[in-house]
C-alpha atoms as a PDB file:
ATOM      1  CA  MET A   1     -16.016  12.855   8.679  1.00  0.00           C
ATOM      2  CA  THR A   2     -12.445  13.606  11.121  1.00  0.00           C
ATOM      3  CA  GLU A   3      -9.659  15.037  10.632  1.00  0.00           C
ATOM      4  CA  LEU A   4      -7.274  14.248   8.050  1.00  0.00           C
ATOM      5  CA  PHE A   5      -4.165  12.381   9.215  1.00  0.00           C
ATOM      6  CA  PRO A   6      -1.277  12.146   8.254  1.00  0.00           C
ATOM      7  CA  PRO A   7       0.467   9.366   6.463  1.00  0.00           C
ATOM      8  CA  GLU A   8       3.035   8.988   9.345  1.00  0.00           C
ATOM      9  CA  ILE A   9      -0.352   7.487  11.493  1.00  0.00           C
ATOM     10  CA  LYS A  10      -2.230   4.851   9.811  1.00  0.00           C
ATOM     11  CA  PRO A  11      -5.792   3.102  10.745  1.00  0.00           C
ATOM     12  CA  VAL A  12      -6.995   0.817  12.875  1.00  0.00           C
ATOM     13  CA  HIS A  13      -9.608  -0.136  10.715  1.00  0.00           C
ATOM     14  CA  VAL A  14     -10.011  -1.946   8.002  1.00  0.00           C
ATOM     15  CA  GLY A  15     -12.219  -0.303   5.477  1.00  0.00           C
ATOM     16  CA  TRP A  16     -13.145   3.006   3.702  1.00  0.00           C
ATOM     17  CA  TYR A  17     -11.830   5.771   3.588  1.00  0.00           C
ATOM     18  CA  SER A  18     -11.004   9.862   1.828  1.00  0.00           C
ATOM     19  CA  THR A  19      -7.558   9.704   1.069  1.00  0.00           C
ATOM     20  CA  GLU A  20      -5.716  13.040  -0.112  1.00  0.00           C
ATOM     21  CA  TRP A  21      -2.443  13.346  -2.098  1.00  0.00           C
ATOM     22  CA  PHE A  22      -0.172  15.707  -3.774  1.00  0.00           C
ATOM     23  CA  ASP A  23       1.964  14.269  -6.975  1.00  0.00           C
ATOM     24  CA  ALA A  24       3.960  16.006  -9.769  1.00  0.00           C
ATOM     25  CA  GLY A  25       1.739  19.549  -9.200  1.00  0.00           C
ATOM     26  CA  TRP A  26      -1.314  17.714  -7.778  1.00  0.00           C
ATOM     27  CA  ASP A  27      -3.720  17.053  -5.249  1.00  0.00           C
ATOM     28  CA  TYR A  28      -5.018  13.753  -5.354  1.00  0.00           C
ATOM     29  CA  GLU A  29      -8.472  13.372  -3.456  1.00  0.00           C
ATOM     30  CA  LEU A  30      -9.996   9.749  -3.240  1.00  0.00           C
ATOM     31  CA  ARG A  31     -12.104   6.782  -1.727  1.00  0.00           C
ATOM     32  CA  VAL A  32      -9.654   3.880  -1.116  1.00  0.00           C
ATOM     33  CA  TRP A  33      -9.523   0.988   0.961  1.00  0.00           C
ATOM     34  CA  TRP A  34      -7.656   0.213   4.220  1.00  0.00           C
ATOM     35  CA  ASP A  35      -6.890  -3.673   4.659  1.00  0.00           C
ATOM     36  CA  GLY A  36      -5.397  -2.526   7.807  1.00  0.00           C
ATOM     37  CA  GLN A  37      -1.508  -2.821   6.033  1.00  0.00           C
ATOM     38  CA  ASP A  38      -1.692  -0.812   2.810  1.00  0.00           C
ATOM     39  CA  TRP A  39      -3.761   1.098   1.002  1.00  0.00           C
ATOM     40  CA  ARG A  40      -5.853  -0.552  -1.865  1.00  0.00           C
ATOM     41  CA  ASN A  41      -7.791   0.363  -4.759  1.00  0.00           C
ATOM     42  CA  GLU A  42     -10.714  -1.930  -3.267  1.00  0.00           C
ATOM     43  CA  PRO A  43     -11.163  -4.481  -1.169  1.00  0.00           C
ATOM     44  CA  ASN A  44      -8.813  -7.160  -2.173  1.00  0.00           C
ATOM     45  CA  GLY A  45      -7.513  -5.094  -4.744  1.00  0.00           C
ATOM     46  CA  TRP A  46      -4.613  -3.842  -6.251  1.00  0.00           C
ATOM     47  CA  ARG A  47      -1.988  -1.508  -3.830  1.00  0.00           C
ATOM     48  CA  LEU A  48      -1.336   1.947  -4.185  1.00  0.00           C
ATOM     49  CA  MET A  49       1.979   2.278  -4.981  1.00  0.00           C
ATOM     50  CA  CYS A  50       1.546   5.855  -3.747  1.00  0.00           C
ATOM     51  CA  GLN A  51       1.205   4.903   0.098  1.00  0.00           C
ATOM     52  CA  LYS A  52       2.002   8.087   1.233  1.00  0.00           C
ATOM     53  CA  VAL A  53      -1.825   9.915   1.861  1.00  0.00           C
ATOM     54  CA  SER A  54      -2.729  12.028   4.357  1.00  0.00           C
ATOM     55  CA  TRP A  55      -6.499  10.447   5.158  1.00  0.00           C
ATOM     56  CA  ARG A  56     -10.713  10.609   6.631  1.00  0.00           C
ATOM     57  CA  GLY A  57     -12.567   8.136   8.262  1.00  0.00           C
ATOM     58  CA  LEU A  58     -16.298   8.493   9.787  1.00  0.00           C
ATOM     59  CA  LYS A  59     -16.501   9.341  13.267  1.00  0.00           C
ATOM     60  CA  GLU A  60     -18.046   6.882  15.412  1.00  0.00           C
ATOM     61  CA  GLN A  61     -21.329   8.974  15.768  1.00  0.00           C
ATOM     62  CA  GLU A  62     -21.995   9.480  11.896  1.00  0.00           C
ATOM     63  CA  ASN A  63     -21.148   5.891  11.404  1.00  0.00           C
ATOM     64  CA  ALA A  64     -23.364   4.624  13.766  1.00  0.00           C
ATOM     65  CA  ASP A  65     -26.929   6.613  12.618  1.00  0.00           C
ATOM     66  CA  ASN A  66     -25.509   4.951   9.580  1.00  0.00           C
ATOM     67  CA  SER A  67     -26.012   1.010  10.086  1.00  0.00           C
END
């Protein structure tokens, strides 16, 4: 996994990401879909109401090993 990126930096690639955010006193960690513009619950799914999420992706080597 990559380091945790802040919400201001968006992913370059479409796909699944591990995300983290804080809301109402709770920390959340979820796997969500980045469609190139918005965070969604799944490909072609609902747009997440909270778009301010920190995220992690796979490093290139990890991604290549899993192909």
